[in-house]
Amino acid sequence: MTPEVTGFFDDATNTITYVVRDPMGTACAIIDSVLDFDYASGRTDTRSADAVIAFVRDKGYDVHWLLETHVHADHLSAAPYIQEKLGGKIGIGDRIRIVQDTFGKVFNEGTEFQRDGSQFDQLFEEGDSVHIGQLRADVLHTPGHTPACLTYVIGDAAFVGDTLFMPDFGTARCDFPGGSSETLYDSVQKILALPDETRIFVGHDYKAPGRDAYAWETTVGEQKAKNVHVGDGKSKTQFVEMRDARDATLDMPKLIIPSLQVNMRAGQMPPADDKGDVFLKVPVNKL
């Protein structure tokens, strides 16, 4: 089946949120939603999520799933906010437990922070599938960027998160805790083993030099032929050398500290204190 896919581009974080609808009905899933966050003031805003909510309501869609491709380090998830407004179950890969354990230590979380993934409604393993109306969504475990990264194959479309970008931009970084360029290469090969005509929807776009417009849809065939990091038969050795050298030059994402603390809690803020105030921690010299 060919799902109807609508992308919402967030200028502040270069993230694309997807609404994926069953063409035979009103059932849909929302993938990788965004909660706006101003780091300087510490204030959140829901304008990006509200645009998605307005679209879904206007179309009369029924949200079955709120899917996360991984624990994002560059934006905060709006999944709980959207769930409150529209319903649906929040799902992520079962390796979230590894991410929670790693960053629970980084942020010095106490024993009250559960590291079992219980903040999410569903934890997916390789080979799992769920239904969005008549659409079947198959789960591929595609780690490397993080240990918990998933690709959702829904009909003729694959939602790859940060594993692959547009062919002229390449692939995701692998230098976060638990990341691995060797593992990412293997994950990319799993995606590229899908039929050439499979549509690929990427999690971010940064408009590679020479391209005037943002873009987020490509195909497996185009990625195999043209991806600047893994296309045209590039070997694993070539990729690992390139990726590790490139990653060594990159700064941390500007929202990594708030994003990780919120997203490892399924989009919820840390517990409020006895006055009702919420605080995010800044670990010094940890990242």
Protein backbone atom coordinates (compact mmCIF):
# COMPACT_ATOMS: atom_id res chain seq x y z
CA MET A 1 0.00 0.00 0.00
CA THR A 2 1.00 3.60 -0.53
CA PRO A 3 0.39 5.68 2.59
CA GLU A 4 -0.40 9.36 2.33
CA VAL A 5 2.54 11.23 3.89
CA THR A 6 2.51 14.88 4.95
CA GLY A 7 5.70 16.48 6.28
CA PHE A 8 5.96 19.44 8.65
CA PHE A 9 9.37 21.13 8.59
CA ASP A 10 10.59 22.81 11.79
CA ASP A 11 12.95 25.65 10.91
CA ALA A 12 14.49 25.91 14.39
CA THR A 13 15.72 22.31 14.49
CA ASN A 14 15.58 21.23 10.81
CA THR A 15 13.30 18.39 11.90
CA ILE A 16 10.51 16.91 9.80
CA THR A 17 7.43 15.58 11.57
CA TYR A 18 5.35 13.18 9.51
CA VAL A 19 1.64 12.43 9.49
CA VAL A 20 1.21 9.03 7.82
CA ARG A 21 -2.36 8.12 6.83
CA ASP A 22 -3.97 4.88 5.74
CA PRO A 23 -5.25 5.70 2.21
CA MET A 24 -8.25 3.43 2.83
CA GLY A 25 -9.51 5.35 5.85
CA THR A 26 -8.81 7.96 8.51
CA ALA A 27 -6.25 6.11 10.68
CA CYS A 28 -2.86 7.80 10.94
CA ALA A 29 0.44 7.86 12.80
CA ILE A 30 2.55 10.87 13.76
CA ILE A 31 6.30 10.34 13.60
CA ASP A 32 8.94 12.46 15.41
CA SER A 33 6.92 15.40 16.71
CA VAL A 34 8.54 18.62 17.96
CA LEU A 35 8.01 20.64 21.15
CA ASP A 36 9.44 24.13 20.64
CA PHE A 37 12.03 25.15 23.22
CA ASP A 38 13.93 28.41 23.71
CA TYR A 39 17.13 27.56 25.53
CA ALA A 40 17.94 31.14 26.50
CA SER A 41 14.68 31.62 28.41
CA GLY A 42 13.94 27.99 29.27
CA ARG A 43 10.46 28.37 27.80
CA THR A 44 8.51 25.80 25.81
CA ASP A 45 5.95 26.48 23.10
CA THR A 46 3.55 24.22 21.22
CA ARG A 47 3.19 26.08 17.92
CA SER A 48 4.84 23.27 15.88
CA ALA A 49 2.75 20.57 17.51
CA ASP A 50 -0.37 22.71 17.22
CA ALA A 51 0.11 22.95 13.46
CA VAL A 52 0.15 19.15 13.25
CA ILE A 53 -2.87 18.88 15.55
CA ALA A 54 -4.82 21.41 13.47
CA PHE A 55 -4.03 19.48 10.28
CA VAL A 56 -5.14 16.16 11.77
CA ARG A 57 -8.37 17.65 13.11
CA ASP A 58 -9.12 19.46 9.86
CA LYS A 59 -8.72 16.22 7.91
CA GLY A 60 -10.74 14.20 10.41
CA TYR A 61 -7.91 11.73 10.98
CA ASP A 62 -7.77 9.26 13.87
CA VAL A 63 -4.33 9.03 15.52
CA HIS A 64 -3.38 5.44 16.33
CA TRP A 65 0.35 5.86 17.00
CA LEU A 66 2.86 8.51 18.03
CA LEU A 67 6.12 6.99 16.88
CA GLU A 68 9.67 8.00 17.79
CA THR A 69 12.54 6.84 15.60
CA HIS A 70 14.95 7.31 18.54
CA VAL A 71 15.77 9.50 21.54
CA HIS A 72 16.48 12.73 19.72
CA ALA A 73 19.37 14.95 20.76
CA ASP A 74 18.38 18.00 18.72
CA HIS A 75 14.74 18.62 19.61
CA LEU A 76 12.23 17.88 22.33
CA SER A 77 9.37 15.49 21.58
CA ALA A 78 5.79 16.76 21.75
CA ALA A 79 4.32 13.25 21.88
CA PRO A 80 2.63 13.56 25.31
CA TYR A 81 1.08 16.90 24.37
CA ILE A 82 -0.27 15.52 21.10
CA GLN A 83 -1.46 12.36 22.86
CA GLU A 84 -3.44 14.48 25.29
CA LYS A 85 -5.11 16.31 22.40
CA LEU A 86 -5.56 13.51 19.86
CA GLY A 87 -4.94 10.14 21.54
CA GLY A 88 -2.69 7.40 20.20
CA LYS A 89 0.02 5.25 21.76
CA ILE A 90 3.64 6.40 22.10
CA GLY A 91 6.15 3.89 20.75
CA ILE A 92 9.95 3.62 20.52
CA GLY A 93 12.60 0.92 20.20
CA ASP A 94 13.20 -1.42 23.13
CA ARG A 95 16.86 -0.40 23.29
CA ILE A 96 15.59 2.78 24.94
CA ARG A 97 16.58 0.99 28.14
CA ILE A 98 20.25 1.30 27.14
CA VAL A 99 19.83 5.00 26.41
CA GLN A 100 18.02 5.58 29.70
CA ASP A 101 20.74 3.78 31.63
CA THR A 102 23.51 5.73 29.89
CA PHE A 103 21.98 9.17 30.27
CA GLY A 104 20.46 8.46 33.65
CA LYS A 105 24.08 8.34 34.82
CA VAL A 106 25.13 11.40 32.79
CA PHE A 107 22.35 13.49 34.34
CA ASN A 108 22.76 11.96 37.80
CA GLU A 109 19.15 10.82 37.92
CA GLY A 110 18.04 9.18 41.13
CA THR A 111 16.40 5.82 41.60
CA GLU A 112 12.98 7.36 40.92
CA PHE A 113 13.91 7.58 37.23
CA GLN A 114 12.83 4.28 35.73
CA ARG A 115 15.25 2.80 33.22
CA ASP A 116 12.92 0.12 31.90
CA GLY A 117 11.18 2.07 29.14
CA SER A 118 7.94 2.12 31.10
CA GLN A 119 7.38 5.81 30.24
CA PHE A 120 6.40 4.66 26.74
CA ASP A 121 3.23 2.79 25.78
CA GLN A 122 5.02 0.34 23.49
CA LEU A 123 8.61 -0.82 23.04
CA PHE A 124 9.41 -2.29 19.63
CA GLU A 125 11.87 -5.02 18.72
CA GLU A 126 13.29 -5.97 15.34
CA GLY A 127 10.59 -7.69 13.30
CA ASP A 128 7.63 -6.29 15.23
CA SER A 129 4.69 -4.87 13.30
CA VAL A 130 1.68 -2.75 14.18
CA HIS A 131 -1.32 -1.60 12.19
CA ILE A 132 -2.41 1.92 11.29
CA GLY A 133 -5.85 1.10 10.01
CA GLN A 134 -5.21 -1.21 7.04
CA LEU A 135 -1.54 -0.19 6.87
CA ARG A 136 1.10 -2.42 8.41
CA ALA A 137 4.15 -0.78 9.93
CA ASP A 138 7.17 -3.08 10.15
CA VAL A 139 10.00 -2.31 12.55
CA LEU A 140 13.67 -2.45 11.57
CA HIS A 141 16.31 -1.96 14.29
CA THR A 142 18.83 0.42 12.67
CA PRO A 143 21.30 1.50 15.39
CA GLY A 144 24.58 3.35 14.95
CA HIS A 145 23.50 6.94 15.47
CA THR A 146 22.12 5.75 18.82
CA PRO A 147 21.57 2.22 20.18
CA ALA A 148 17.77 2.56 20.00
CA CYS A 149 17.27 3.85 16.45
CA LEU A 150 14.43 2.35 14.44
CA THR A 151 13.23 2.55 10.88
CA TYR A 152 9.48 2.20 10.36
CA VAL A 153 8.59 0.60 7.01
CA ILE A 154 4.96 1.51 6.32
CA GLY A 155 3.67 0.29 2.99
CA ASP A 156 6.05 1.59 0.33
CA ALA A 157 7.58 4.19 2.67
CA ALA A 158 10.48 3.97 5.14
CA PHE A 159 10.89 6.52 7.93
CA VAL A 160 14.59 6.35 8.76
CA GLY A 161 14.99 9.01 11.46
CA ASP A 162 18.61 10.20 11.59
CA THR A 163 20.15 7.10 9.99
CA LEU A 164 20.19 8.53 6.46
CA PHE A 165 19.81 12.08 5.22
CA MET A 166 19.16 13.25 1.67
CA PRO A 167 21.69 11.75 -0.78
CA ASP A 168 23.63 15.02 -1.11
CA PHE A 169 24.05 15.28 2.68
CA GLY A 170 24.88 11.70 3.60
CA THR A 171 24.41 10.04 6.98
CA ALA A 172 24.01 10.73 10.68
CA ARG A 173 26.80 11.29 13.19
CA CYS A 174 27.87 8.36 15.37
CA ASP A 175 29.81 10.01 18.20
CA PHE A 176 27.08 10.11 20.86
CA PRO A 177 27.41 7.60 23.74
CA GLY A 178 26.48 4.19 22.36
CA GLY A 179 26.96 5.28 18.74
CA SER A 180 29.11 3.38 16.24
CA SER A 181 30.03 4.14 12.64
CA GLU A 182 30.53 0.43 11.91
CA THR A 183 27.07 -0.34 13.25
CA LEU A 184 25.54 2.53 11.30
CA TYR A 185 27.01 1.23 8.05
CA ASP A 186 25.41 -2.16 8.67
CA SER A 187 22.08 -0.49 9.49
CA VAL A 188 22.20 1.53 6.29
CA GLN A 189 22.74 -1.66 4.30
CA LYS A 190 19.59 -3.09 5.88
CA ILE A 191 17.63 -0.06 4.65
CA LEU A 192 19.23 -0.18 1.21
CA ALA A 193 18.17 -3.84 0.89
CA LEU A 194 14.56 -2.66 0.60
CA PRO A 195 13.14 -2.42 -2.94
CA ASP A 196 14.65 0.42 -4.98
CA GLU A 197 11.27 2.13 -5.37
CA THR A 198 10.76 2.35 -1.59
CA ARG A 199 10.24 5.96 -0.59
CA ILE A 200 12.62 7.15 2.14
CA PHE A 201 11.57 9.96 4.46
CA VAL A 202 14.46 11.46 6.44
CA GLY A 203 14.33 12.92 9.93
CA HIS A 204 16.21 16.14 9.18
CA ASP A 205 17.40 18.20 6.26
CA TYR A 206 20.16 20.80 6.35
CA LYS A 207 20.09 21.84 2.68
CA ALA A 208 23.44 20.68 1.35
CA PRO A 209 25.66 23.25 -0.41
CA GLY A 210 24.34 24.00 -3.87
CA ARG A 211 20.73 23.07 -3.08
CA ASP A 212 18.26 25.93 -2.72
CA ALA A 213 15.29 24.20 -1.08
CA TYR A 214 14.80 21.87 1.84
CA ALA A 215 13.85 18.31 0.93
CA TRP A 216 12.99 15.17 2.85
CA GLU A 217 11.80 12.50 0.41
CA THR A 218 14.05 10.27 -1.66
CA THR A 219 14.15 6.56 -2.62
CA VAL A 220 16.26 3.53 -1.85
CA GLY A 221 17.47 3.48 -5.44
CA GLU A 222 18.56 7.10 -5.29
CA GLN A 223 20.35 6.55 -1.99
CA LYS A 224 22.23 3.54 -3.35
CA ALA A 225 23.36 5.45 -6.40
CA LYS A 226 24.01 8.94 -5.04
CA ASN A 227 24.42 9.09 -1.25
CA VAL A 228 27.71 10.92 -0.74
CA HIS A 229 28.67 8.78 2.26
CA VAL A 230 27.43 5.28 1.46
CA GLY A 231 26.29 5.31 -2.17
CA ASP A 232 27.98 4.05 -5.32
CA GLY A 233 29.42 0.96 -3.63
CA LYS A 234 31.45 2.68 -0.90
CA SER A 235 32.99 0.13 1.43
CA LYS A 236 32.53 -0.16 5.16
CA THR A 237 36.19 0.77 5.71
CA GLN A 238 35.81 3.91 3.60
CA PHE A 239 32.66 4.89 5.45
CA VAL A 240 34.06 4.34 8.95
CA GLU A 241 37.19 6.36 8.22
CA MET A 242 35.15 9.22 6.77
CA ARG A 243 32.44 9.18 9.45
CA ASP A 244 34.82 9.05 12.43
CA ALA A 245 36.98 11.86 11.03
CA ARG A 246 33.95 14.01 10.29
CA ASP A 247 32.37 13.41 13.69
CA ALA A 248 35.54 14.56 15.43
CA THR A 249 34.96 18.04 13.99
CA LEU A 250 31.30 18.44 15.02
CA ASP A 251 29.95 20.45 17.93
CA MET A 252 27.25 19.05 20.18
CA PRO A 253 23.68 19.92 19.09
CA LYS A 254 22.57 23.10 20.84
CA LEU A 255 19.53 21.41 22.42
CA ILE A 256 21.16 18.12 23.38
CA ILE A 257 21.00 18.73 27.15
CA PRO A 258 17.27 19.49 27.42
CA SER A 259 16.37 17.09 24.61
CA LEU A 260 17.90 14.00 26.18
CA GLN A 261 16.41 14.64 29.61
CA VAL A 262 12.92 15.06 28.14
CA ASN A 263 13.00 12.49 25.35
CA MET A 264 14.29 9.63 27.49
CA ARG A 265 11.11 10.24 29.53
CA ALA A 266 8.88 9.86 26.44
CA GLY A 267 8.59 13.63 26.06
CA GLN A 268 7.74 14.34 29.70
CA MET A 269 9.61 16.94 31.72
CA PRO A 270 11.50 15.83 34.86
CA PRO A 271 9.31 15.70 37.98
CA ALA A 272 8.41 19.06 39.50
CA ASP A 273 9.68 20.03 42.94
CA ASP A 274 7.39 20.57 45.93
CA LYS A 275 6.59 24.07 44.62
CA GLY A 276 5.57 22.79 41.23
CA ASP A 277 8.67 24.10 39.46
CA VAL A 278 10.50 22.01 36.84
CA PHE A 279 14.27 22.07 36.36
CA LEU A 280 16.65 20.65 33.77
CA LYS A 281 20.21 19.74 34.74
CA VAL A 282 23.38 20.85 32.96
CA PRO A 283 26.14 18.26 33.44
CA VAL A 284 29.56 19.91 33.32
CA ASN A 285 32.28 18.29 31.18
CA LYS A 286 30.15 15.17 30.60
CA LEU A 287 29.27 15.47 26.92
